[in-house]
Every structure is written in structure tokens, then in C-alpha cells.
Amino acid sequence: MAPDNVPADAKVKITVVQRTHNREYLGRFLEADYAALEPCDCFSEGQEFFVAQPWEMPAGFCPWAWADIRGQIVAVLSGGHLPGMKEPATAVAGCTDWLRPVLFFIQKIA
């Protein structure tokens, strides 16, 4: 039986693995007002999201990150075994904010 926080129709779980921060490039490439940005505040490490359909972004998910990782979600939902992954129907993906990227682990759960 699934934990209480998992919707009955969930097919994929997305876990926030890490919020990274390329601080050395912020001052180099961004205007002064943005040079002190901290890691992405849309997510927290360990946060979990559940997906039933790849076109339905979970509540509270960053739309930019969703657009970046949706292809991997489709692959996982299709049962694909992505190159290099230890387990089938799993993927590692990240958003393309390369100054403050977030790393996600995607796994099929149904």
C-alpha cells in the first residue's frame, strides 16, 4: 500500500536530489543586483512530487524545471532503460538554470 501522500493514480515519483550553486559565475556573468543569488528556492533537497500524466505538472513544481525534465519523465513512464542507469525506468535530470541548477531523480512507481 502506498503512503498517504502518494496519489492513487501516481505513476512516477520525482525526488529533488540536490540544489547546486555555481557562485563563481554569478558575479562574472550577471548584473550586480543578481550576483548574490542563492541556490534555487523553488525546491528543497528530498522534496518529492508525484506524476500521473506527463502533461500534468505537479502543484508547486517550477514550470521551467518541468519543461527541462519532461522528456525524461516520458521516457520513464514508457519503461525506458536510459543509458547508464542502474535500474530500468529511472532517470537523473536537471533544470537548465546552469548558475543554480537543481538535480532530480525520476522513477517509475506504477
Protein backbone atom coordinates (compact mmCIF):
# COMPACT_ATOMS: atom_id res chain seq x y z
CA MET A 1 0.00 0.00 0.00
CA ALA A 2 1.27 3.47 -0.93
CA PRO A 3 1.97 6.08 1.76
CA ASP A 4 -0.84 8.60 2.40
CA ASN A 5 0.88 11.40 0.46
CA VAL A 6 1.05 9.42 -2.80
CA PRO A 7 -1.95 9.93 -5.11
CA ALA A 8 -3.63 6.67 -6.11
CA ASP A 9 -3.03 7.37 -9.81
CA ALA A 10 0.67 8.29 -9.42
CA LYS A 11 2.97 6.59 -11.90
CA VAL A 12 6.22 8.49 -11.43
CA LYS A 13 8.00 9.93 -8.41
CA ILE A 14 10.35 12.90 -8.81
CA THR A 15 12.77 13.46 -5.94
CA VAL A 16 14.87 16.60 -5.56
CA VAL A 17 18.40 15.28 -5.09
CA GLN A 18 20.42 18.47 -4.90
CA ARG A 19 20.23 22.22 -5.39
CA THR A 20 23.59 23.29 -6.74
CA HIS A 21 25.10 26.74 -6.94
CA ASN A 22 27.79 27.94 -9.32
CA ARG A 23 28.59 31.02 -7.29
CA GLU A 24 31.88 31.72 -9.12
CA TYR A 25 29.93 32.53 -12.28
CA LEU A 26 27.19 34.71 -10.79
CA GLY A 27 29.38 37.80 -10.48
CA ARG A 28 31.13 37.05 -13.73
CA PHE A 29 28.01 36.88 -15.90
CA LEU A 30 25.16 38.57 -14.02
CA GLU A 31 24.44 42.18 -13.22
CA ALA A 32 25.32 43.26 -9.68
CA ASP A 33 21.69 43.02 -8.48
CA TYR A 34 21.71 39.28 -9.32
CA ALA A 35 25.28 38.36 -8.39
CA ALA A 36 24.33 37.42 -4.81
CA LEU A 37 21.67 34.88 -5.79
CA GLU A 38 21.46 31.85 -3.56
CA PRO A 39 20.56 28.27 -4.63
CA CYS A 40 17.13 27.85 -6.19
CA ASP A 41 14.40 28.46 -3.64
CA CYS A 42 11.68 26.64 -5.59
CA PHE A 43 12.77 23.27 -4.21
CA SER A 44 14.29 21.58 -1.15
CA GLU A 45 16.53 18.52 -1.11
CA GLY A 46 14.45 15.40 -0.50
CA GLN A 47 11.22 17.01 -1.70
CA GLU A 48 9.02 14.57 -3.64
CA PHE A 49 6.50 15.11 -6.40
CA PHE A 50 4.17 12.54 -7.93
CA VAL A 51 3.05 12.44 -11.55
CA ALA A 52 0.14 10.59 -13.12
CA GLN A 53 0.48 12.00 -16.65
CA PRO A 54 3.47 13.74 -18.26
CA TRP A 55 1.37 16.71 -19.37
CA GLU A 56 0.16 17.43 -15.81
CA MET A 57 2.80 19.37 -13.90
CA PRO A 58 2.58 18.71 -10.15
CA ALA A 59 1.37 21.56 -7.95
CA GLY A 60 4.26 23.65 -6.69
CA PHE A 61 6.70 22.48 -9.37
CA CYS A 62 8.77 25.10 -11.20
CA PRO A 63 7.45 25.42 -14.79
CA TRP A 64 10.98 25.98 -16.16
CA ALA A 65 12.31 22.84 -14.50
CA TRP A 66 9.23 20.90 -15.65
CA ALA A 67 9.91 21.88 -19.26
CA ASP A 68 13.53 20.78 -18.88
CA ILE A 69 12.87 17.32 -17.40
CA ARG A 70 9.60 16.36 -19.09
CA GLY A 71 11.37 14.28 -21.77
CA GLN A 72 12.95 12.08 -19.10
CA ILE A 73 9.57 11.74 -17.38
CA VAL A 74 8.06 10.47 -20.64
CA ALA A 75 10.94 8.01 -21.08
CA VAL A 76 10.49 6.69 -17.53
CA LEU A 77 6.73 6.41 -17.93
CA SER A 78 7.34 4.40 -21.10
CA GLY A 79 9.50 1.97 -19.12
CA GLY A 80 12.65 3.02 -20.93
CA HIS A 81 16.08 2.00 -19.69
CA LEU A 82 18.15 5.12 -20.17
CA PRO A 83 21.86 4.62 -20.93
CA GLY A 84 24.00 4.30 -17.83
CA MET A 85 21.17 3.99 -15.32
CA LYS A 86 21.49 1.06 -12.90
CA GLU A 87 17.75 0.45 -12.81
CA PRO A 88 15.28 0.47 -15.69
CA ALA A 89 12.56 3.13 -15.69
CA THR A 90 14.71 5.62 -13.77
CA ALA A 91 16.47 8.81 -14.82
CA VAL A 92 18.55 11.63 -13.47
CA ALA A 93 17.65 15.03 -14.88
CA GLY A 94 18.26 18.66 -14.14
CA CYS A 95 16.90 22.06 -14.89
CA THR A 96 18.92 24.24 -17.22
CA ASP A 97 19.48 27.13 -14.86
CA TRP A 98 23.19 26.41 -15.07
CA LEU A 99 24.06 29.02 -12.48
CA ARG A 100 21.69 27.48 -9.90
CA PRO A 101 20.68 24.07 -11.28
CA VAL A 102 18.57 21.51 -9.47
CA LEU A 103 19.17 17.77 -9.86
CA PHE A 104 16.20 15.36 -9.87
CA PHE A 105 15.85 11.56 -9.63
CA ILE A 106 12.86 10.23 -11.60
CA GLN A 107 11.50 6.75 -11.06
CA LYS A 108 8.50 4.79 -12.25
CA ILE A 109 6.40 3.63 -9.31
CA ALA A 110 3.44 2.01 -11.07
